Amino acid sequence: MSDKCDETLAELYSYLDGELTVEVRARIRVHLDDCPPCGDIAVFEAELRRVIAAKCIDRVPDDLRSKIIAACSEDPATPTS
């Protein structure tokens, strides 16, 4: 791996999170397009994030959701028993 690969991979998560400037994103995109090993890593990481996001969605039970809504709508000046 080259120094450019090391630099690109060091910034990959920030790149995938959209946390970089337009210029840095463009530089990384060019490297990913021109370097198949780094491009493959980026594709894998992006897909892994999509799978995790899709599978790791917690479902809140309806009764808990109702209790939270009720608690949020209570007047904070009114003491609870």
Protein backbone atom coordinates (compact mmCIF):
# COMPACT_ATOMS: atom_id res chain seq x y z
CA MET A 1 0.00 0.00 0.00
CA SER A 2 1.14 3.50 -0.75
CA ASP A 3 1.11 6.58 1.45
CA LYS A 4 -1.98 7.74 -0.48
CA CYS A 5 -3.70 4.49 0.45
CA ASP A 6 -2.79 4.98 4.11
CA GLU A 7 -4.09 8.57 4.03
CA THR A 8 -7.29 7.57 2.28
CA LEU A 9 -8.04 4.68 4.61
CA ALA A 10 -7.28 6.82 7.66
CA GLU A 11 -10.04 9.20 6.52
CA LEU A 12 -12.43 6.57 5.17
CA TYR A 13 -14.89 6.62 8.08
CA SER A 14 -15.07 10.41 8.02
CA TYR A 15 -15.55 10.19 4.26
CA LEU A 16 -18.39 7.69 4.61
CA ASP A 17 -19.96 9.85 7.33
CA GLY A 18 -19.84 12.93 5.09
CA GLU A 19 -17.72 14.81 7.62
CA LEU A 20 -15.03 16.09 5.24
CA THR A 21 -14.74 19.17 3.11
CA VAL A 22 -15.74 19.02 -0.53
CA GLU A 23 -12.07 19.18 -1.55
CA VAL A 24 -10.99 16.32 0.70
CA ARG A 25 -13.98 14.21 -0.36
CA ALA A 26 -13.07 14.80 -4.02
CA ARG A 27 -9.45 13.79 -3.39
CA ILE A 28 -10.53 10.61 -1.64
CA ARG A 29 -13.12 9.81 -4.34
CA VAL A 30 -10.42 10.09 -7.03
CA HIS A 31 -8.15 7.74 -5.08
CA LEU A 32 -10.97 5.24 -4.50
CA ASP A 33 -11.82 5.29 -8.21
CA ASP A 34 -8.17 4.82 -9.23
CA CYS A 35 -7.15 2.25 -6.58
CA PRO A 36 -9.20 -0.96 -6.74
CA PRO A 37 -8.02 -2.32 -3.34
CA CYS A 38 -9.02 0.90 -1.56
CA GLY A 39 -12.21 1.13 -3.59
CA ASP A 40 -13.13 -2.41 -2.59
CA ILE A 41 -12.53 -1.59 1.09
CA ALA A 42 -14.74 1.50 0.80
CA VAL A 43 -17.53 -0.49 -0.87
CA PHE A 44 -17.31 -3.18 1.81
CA GLU A 45 -17.39 -0.64 4.66
CA ALA A 46 -20.31 1.25 3.12
CA GLU A 47 -22.28 -1.97 2.64
CA LEU A 48 -21.46 -3.13 6.17
CA ARG A 49 -22.82 0.15 7.53
CA ARG A 50 -26.02 -0.28 5.50
CA VAL A 51 -26.53 -3.82 6.81
CA ILE A 52 -25.88 -2.82 10.41
CA ALA A 53 -28.22 0.17 10.13
CA ALA A 54 -30.95 -2.02 8.66
CA LYS A 55 -30.58 -4.83 11.20
CA CYS A 56 -29.94 -2.82 14.37
CA ILE A 57 -33.24 -1.04 14.67
CA ASP A 58 -34.70 -1.44 18.13
CA ARG A 59 -38.45 -1.61 18.36
CA VAL A 60 -39.94 0.25 21.31
CA PRO A 61 -42.94 -1.53 22.78
CA ASP A 62 -46.19 0.43 22.34
CA ASP A 63 -46.88 0.57 26.10
CA LEU A 64 -43.45 2.08 26.77
CA ARG A 65 -43.93 4.55 23.94
CA SER A 66 -47.28 5.60 25.48
CA LYS A 67 -45.70 6.06 28.91
CA ILE A 68 -42.92 8.21 27.46
CA ILE A 69 -45.40 10.37 25.53
CA ALA A 70 -47.53 10.79 28.66
CA ALA A 71 -44.50 11.69 30.76
CA CYS A 72 -43.32 14.24 28.20
CA SER A 73 -46.72 15.90 28.07
CA GLU A 74 -47.02 16.29 31.85
CA ASP A 75 -46.68 19.77 33.32
CA PRO A 76 -43.24 19.89 34.97
CA ALA A 77 -44.64 22.24 37.65
CA THR A 78 -47.16 19.61 38.71
CA PRO A 79 -45.70 17.20 41.30
CA THR A 80 -46.10 13.50 40.60
CA SER A 81 -47.05 10.99 43.25
